[in-house]
Protein backbone atom coordinates (compact mmCIF):
# COMPACT_ATOMS: atom_id res chain seq x y z
CA MET A 1 85.46 91.46 91.66
CA GLY A 2 87.04 94.59 90.21
CA ILE A 3 85.08 94.67 86.95
CA THR A 4 85.65 98.44 86.60
CA GLY A 5 89.44 97.91 86.67
CA ASN A 6 91.82 96.60 84.01
CA VAL A 7 92.03 92.96 85.10
CA GLY A 8 88.39 92.46 86.10
CA GLY A 9 87.26 94.20 82.92
CA ALA A 10 89.51 92.06 80.72
CA THR A 11 88.21 88.90 82.41
CA ALA A 12 84.58 89.96 81.90
CA ARG A 13 85.23 90.71 78.20
CA HIS A 14 86.75 87.27 77.65
CA LEU A 15 83.90 85.53 79.52
CA LEU A 16 81.21 87.45 77.63
CA ALA A 17 82.96 86.59 74.35
CA GLN A 18 82.60 82.92 75.35
CA GLY A 19 78.88 83.47 75.89
CA LYS A 20 79.11 83.11 79.67
CA LYS A 21 76.86 84.91 82.14
CA VAL A 22 78.83 87.32 84.31
CA ARG A 23 77.96 88.74 87.72
CA ALA A 24 79.98 91.51 89.37
CA LEU A 25 80.19 92.92 92.87
CA VAL A 26 80.22 96.72 92.56
CA ARG A 27 80.47 99.62 94.98
CA ASP A 28 79.37 102.20 92.44
CA ARG A 29 76.70 101.24 89.88
CA GLU A 30 77.36 104.38 87.85
CA LYS A 31 80.90 103.24 87.11
CA ALA A 32 79.67 99.80 86.04
CA LEU A 33 76.78 101.00 83.89
CA SER A 34 78.46 100.04 80.61
CA TRP A 35 78.78 96.47 81.93
CA ALA A 36 75.11 96.33 82.95
CA ASN A 37 74.28 97.41 79.38
CA ARG A 38 76.26 94.40 78.15
CA GLY A 39 74.21 92.03 80.27
CA VAL A 40 76.38 91.78 83.37
CA GLU A 41 74.37 91.27 86.56
CA LEU A 42 75.46 93.79 89.20
CA VAL A 43 75.38 93.05 92.92
CA ASP A 44 75.83 96.06 95.22
CA GLY A 45 78.46 95.66 97.88
CA ASP A 46 81.92 96.37 99.12
CA TRP A 47 85.13 94.30 99.40
CA ASN A 48 84.73 94.48 103.20
CA ASP A 49 81.11 93.29 103.23
CA SER A 50 81.20 89.50 103.51
CA ALA A 51 77.38 89.20 103.34
CA ALA A 52 77.36 91.04 99.98
CA ILE A 53 80.23 88.90 98.69
CA GLU A 54 78.31 85.80 99.76
CA ARG A 55 75.21 87.03 97.87
CA ALA A 56 77.34 87.61 94.78
CA LEU A 57 78.70 84.06 95.02
CA GLU A 58 75.28 82.39 95.16
CA GLY A 59 75.01 79.67 92.51
CA VAL A 60 78.17 80.63 90.61
CA GLU A 61 80.35 78.19 88.66
CA GLY A 62 83.48 80.08 89.63
CA ALA A 63 84.69 83.25 91.32
CA LEU A 64 87.45 85.71 90.45
CA VAL A 65 88.71 87.53 93.52
CA MET A 66 91.37 90.21 93.90
CA LEU A 67 92.50 92.75 96.42
CA PRO A 68 91.89 96.45 95.79
CA PRO A 69 95.30 97.92 94.97
CA VAL A 70 96.66 99.88 97.94
CA TRP A 71 99.93 101.59 97.04
CA ALA A 72 100.37 103.23 100.44
CA PRO A 73 99.32 100.50 102.90
CA SER A 74 99.35 100.75 106.70
CA PRO A 75 102.49 99.22 108.24
CA ASP A 76 100.48 96.14 109.36
CA TYR A 77 98.61 95.82 106.01
CA LYS A 78 95.30 96.12 107.85
CA GLU A 79 93.47 97.14 104.63
CA ALA A 80 94.39 93.85 102.93
CA LYS A 81 93.77 91.83 106.09
CA GLY A 82 90.22 93.23 106.35
CA VAL A 83 89.34 92.34 102.75
CA ILE A 84 90.93 88.88 103.05
CA ALA A 85 88.89 88.16 106.20
CA SER A 86 85.67 89.15 104.36
CA TYR A 87 86.60 86.92 101.41
CA VAL A 88 87.46 83.94 103.61
CA GLU A 89 84.18 84.24 105.50
CA ALA A 90 82.10 84.47 102.29
CA LEU A 91 84.08 81.80 100.38
CA THR A 92 83.85 79.41 103.34
CA LYS A 93 80.07 79.77 103.52
CA ALA A 94 79.38 79.82 99.76
CA ALA A 95 82.17 77.35 98.81
CA PRO A 96 82.05 77.98 95.02
CA PRO A 97 83.17 75.11 92.72
CA ARG A 98 86.36 77.03 91.91
CA VAL A 99 88.12 80.23 92.92
CA VAL A 100 90.78 82.10 90.96
CA ALA A 101 92.70 84.83 92.73
CA LEU A 102 94.93 87.57 91.34
CA SER A 103 98.33 87.33 93.00
CA SER A 104 101.79 88.48 91.94
CA MET A 105 105.25 87.27 91.19
CA GLY A 106 107.13 87.36 94.49
CA ALA A 107 104.09 86.39 96.59
CA ASN A 108 105.93 83.16 97.53
CA ARG A 109 108.13 85.33 99.78
CA THR A 110 106.82 86.58 103.10
CA SER A 111 108.99 89.70 103.55
CA GLY A 112 111.19 92.21 101.78
CA HIS A 113 108.87 92.80 98.84
CA GLY A 114 106.82 95.84 99.88
CA VAL A 115 103.26 96.10 98.55
CA ILE A 116 103.39 92.46 97.36
CA ALA A 117 103.10 91.50 101.06
CA ALA A 118 99.32 91.96 100.71
CA LEU A 119 99.25 89.15 98.12
CA SER A 120 101.38 86.86 100.28
CA LEU A 121 98.74 87.41 102.98
CA LEU A 122 95.97 86.61 100.45
CA GLU A 123 97.62 83.32 99.45
CA GLN A 124 98.17 82.36 103.11
CA GLY A 125 94.59 83.38 104.02
CA PHE A 126 93.09 81.15 101.31
CA ARG A 127 95.11 78.04 102.26
CA ASP A 128 92.32 76.41 104.24
CA LEU A 129 89.44 77.03 101.81
CA THR A 130 87.59 73.89 100.74
CA SER A 131 87.06 75.21 97.18
CA PRO A 132 89.73 74.47 94.57
CA VAL A 133 91.84 77.64 94.26
CA ALA A 134 94.20 78.87 91.52
CA PHE A 135 96.50 81.75 92.38
CA VAL A 136 97.64 83.63 89.28
CA ARG A 137 100.99 85.24 90.03
CA ALA A 138 101.16 87.94 87.37
CA GLY A 139 104.22 89.93 86.36
CA GLY A 140 104.39 93.73 86.24
CA PHE A 141 101.65 95.23 84.07
CA PHE A 142 102.58 96.80 80.72
CA GLU A 143 99.69 99.21 81.48
CA ASN A 144 101.88 100.78 84.19
CA PHE A 145 103.93 102.28 81.32
CA LEU A 146 100.98 103.96 79.59
CA PHE A 147 102.02 107.34 81.00
CA GLY A 148 104.83 107.01 78.44
CA LEU A 149 102.42 107.93 75.64
CA GLN A 150 102.55 111.48 77.05
CA VAL A 151 105.97 111.79 78.69
CA ALA A 152 108.08 109.91 76.11
CA GLN A 153 107.46 112.53 73.42
CA GLY A 154 110.90 113.86 74.42
CA GLY A 155 112.48 110.47 73.66
CA THR A 156 112.89 109.00 77.15
CA LEU A 157 110.74 106.62 79.20
CA PRO A 158 111.46 106.90 82.95
CA ALA A 159 111.45 103.51 84.72
CA PHE A 160 112.08 102.06 88.17
CA TYR A 161 113.73 99.06 86.49
CA ASN A 162 117.51 99.22 86.87
CA PRO A 163 119.50 98.31 84.85
CA THR A 164 117.06 98.97 82.04
CA ASN A 165 118.36 96.03 79.98
CA ARG A 166 117.66 93.48 82.74
CA LYS A 167 114.62 91.37 81.90
CA SER A 168 111.91 90.78 84.48
CA THR A 169 108.42 89.30 84.35
CA MET A 170 105.84 91.52 82.66
CA VAL A 171 102.37 90.95 81.22
CA ALA A 172 99.39 92.74 79.66
CA THR A 173 96.17 92.83 81.67
CA ASN A 174 94.36 91.43 78.61
CA ASP A 175 96.41 88.23 79.01
CA ILE A 176 95.56 88.06 82.71
CA GLY A 177 91.87 88.33 81.82
CA ALA A 178 92.25 85.59 79.20
CA GLU A 179 93.95 83.27 81.70
CA PHE A 180 91.28 83.93 84.33
CA ALA A 181 88.52 83.18 81.81
CA THR A 182 90.31 79.93 80.90
CA LEU A 183 90.65 78.90 84.55
CA LEU A 184 87.03 79.79 85.33
CA THR A 185 85.60 77.82 82.40
CA GLY A 186 88.19 75.12 81.67
CA PRO A 187 88.75 71.66 83.18
CA ALA A 188 88.11 71.32 86.91
CA TRP A 189 90.98 70.74 89.33
CA SER A 190 91.26 69.91 93.00
CA GLY A 191 93.30 71.54 95.73
CA GLN A 192 95.45 74.57 95.07
CA ARG A 193 97.54 75.49 92.06
CA ILE A 194 99.79 78.42 91.26
CA VAL A 195 100.12 79.83 87.74
CA GLU A 196 102.97 82.20 86.93
CA LEU A 197 101.83 84.53 84.16
CA GLY A 198 104.05 86.67 81.96
CA SER A 199 107.24 86.76 79.93
CA MET A 200 110.73 88.11 80.56
CA VAL A 201 110.90 91.65 79.16
CA SER A 202 113.23 94.59 79.86
CA ALA A 203 112.43 98.29 80.23
CA ASP A 204 114.58 98.79 77.09
CA ASP A 205 112.23 96.43 75.19
CA VAL A 206 109.18 98.37 76.43
CA ALA A 207 110.74 101.71 75.44
CA GLU A 208 111.59 100.42 71.98
CA GLN A 209 108.02 99.19 71.42
CA LEU A 210 106.64 102.51 72.69
CA GLY A 211 108.92 104.25 70.19
CA GLU A 212 107.48 102.15 67.35
CA VAL A 213 103.97 103.33 68.26
CA LEU A 214 105.00 106.99 68.71
CA ASN A 215 107.22 106.86 65.62
CA LEU A 216 110.12 108.15 67.71
CA ASP A 217 113.39 106.81 69.06
CA VAL A 218 112.55 106.18 72.73
CA LYS A 219 115.11 105.07 75.31
CA ALA A 220 114.39 103.79 78.81
CA PHE A 221 115.88 105.89 81.59
CA ALA A 222 116.44 104.39 85.05
CA ILE A 223 115.14 106.86 87.64
CA PRO A 224 118.02 107.35 90.13
CA ARG A 225 117.31 105.54 93.42
CA ALA A 226 117.35 108.82 95.35
CA GLY A 227 114.53 110.12 93.14
CA TRP A 228 112.13 107.19 93.56
CA ALA A 229 110.05 108.70 96.38
CA GLU A 230 109.47 111.90 94.41
CA ALA A 231 108.64 109.97 91.22
CA LEU A 232 106.15 107.74 93.07
CA GLU A 233 104.49 110.84 94.55
CA GLN A 234 103.96 112.08 90.98
CA PHE A 235 102.10 108.79 90.36
CA GLY A 236 99.76 109.70 93.23
CA ILE A 237 101.30 108.02 96.27
CA PRO A 238 101.04 110.37 99.28
CA LYS A 239 104.28 112.01 100.42
CA GLY A 240 106.11 109.92 102.99
CA HIS A 241 104.18 106.75 102.12
CA SER A 242 106.17 105.46 99.14
CA GLY A 243 108.30 103.00 101.17
CA PRO A 244 106.32 99.81 100.33
CA ALA A 245 106.27 100.64 96.58
CA GLU A 246 110.02 101.42 96.65
CA GLU A 247 110.66 98.12 98.43
CA MET A 248 108.72 96.27 95.72
CA TYR A 249 110.80 97.80 92.90
CA GLU A 250 113.99 96.97 94.81
CA ALA A 251 112.82 93.34 94.96
CA VAL A 252 112.09 93.40 91.20
CA ASN A 253 115.57 94.76 90.48
CA ALA A 254 117.11 92.14 92.77
CA GLY A 255 115.50 89.38 90.66
CA TRP A 256 113.03 88.21 93.29
CA MET A 257 110.02 88.58 91.00
CA ASP A 258 111.03 86.30 88.18
CA ILE A 259 109.54 83.21 86.57
CA GLY A 260 110.52 79.75 87.76
CA VAL A 261 109.44 79.30 91.38
CA ALA A 262 109.31 75.58 92.22
CA GLY A 263 105.89 73.93 92.15
CA THR A 264 104.25 76.44 89.82
CA GLU A 265 102.78 76.24 86.32
CA HIS A 266 103.84 78.83 83.79
CA VAL A 267 101.82 80.63 81.09
CA ALA A 268 103.58 83.08 78.77
CA GLY A 269 101.90 86.32 77.73
CA THR A 270 100.87 86.78 74.09
CA THR A 271 100.00 90.51 74.13
CA SER A 272 103.09 92.72 73.72
CA ALA A 273 103.78 96.12 75.25
CA ARG A 274 103.44 97.47 71.70
CA ASP A 275 99.88 96.04 71.48
CA VAL A 276 98.99 97.77 74.76
CA PHE A 277 100.41 101.14 73.64
CA GLU A 278 98.74 100.83 70.24
CA ALA A 279 95.30 100.04 71.71
CA ALA A 280 95.56 102.96 74.14
CA SER A 281 96.72 105.46 71.52
CA ASN A 282 93.87 104.39 69.19
CA LEU A 283 91.44 104.88 72.06
CA ASN A 284 92.80 108.34 72.86
CA GLY A 285 93.43 109.28 69.26
């Protein structure tokens, strides 16, 4: 799922590099054309279409599933609940040999973490599946700072992380893709497992690494709490709907999203924020 996004795309790249056959569920073939040209088999269908998901799962060795990101969810998270119900129906019927699911740090909590609530619902929804499942609880994506390549020309990188020197769990989507490829092709397991993925990094660290790529002195700047809603609207969240995203960043700043939840495995990231900025600036340059 999600091959046209960062995480799904990274997973497909790693699998293709291993010589594996890849199949993807896509809503829009046009968007996935480059993948078809690389030998990926495309199955038409939507996240909410359990029959299409079931078709896509036919005969697979493993499945990567994720929720479409919804930054302005309904109060009852009905968007996520609909997709989860489709997944559960298809995964119950097809019962693939293994399932890996993109989750997030903080998904062990059931309230007070805003948009992460959708991933708590995903983990709860998959509890009764017969297939072995691995939930990968990823940290915040370095890619979320890519806007800094434009805005940090003035020497500051705005961030929701406060204080900017406090470390929290972050990761590059390339590392998420690598971990998914490892889980999909590595040794089999039974039951459910949870993998925490990422390393402890501060906004100051990210700003410094961005500065190295831009050849500038860049400092992280904590967006004042009163300005969060307006800042999130600039990132495309509709006015008046930024509450769940604000709640998530409050949970991050309170230390709820950090490594070390009991009963989990931990995998550190190997791709730095600098690597992510460098790759993007080479692409754009």
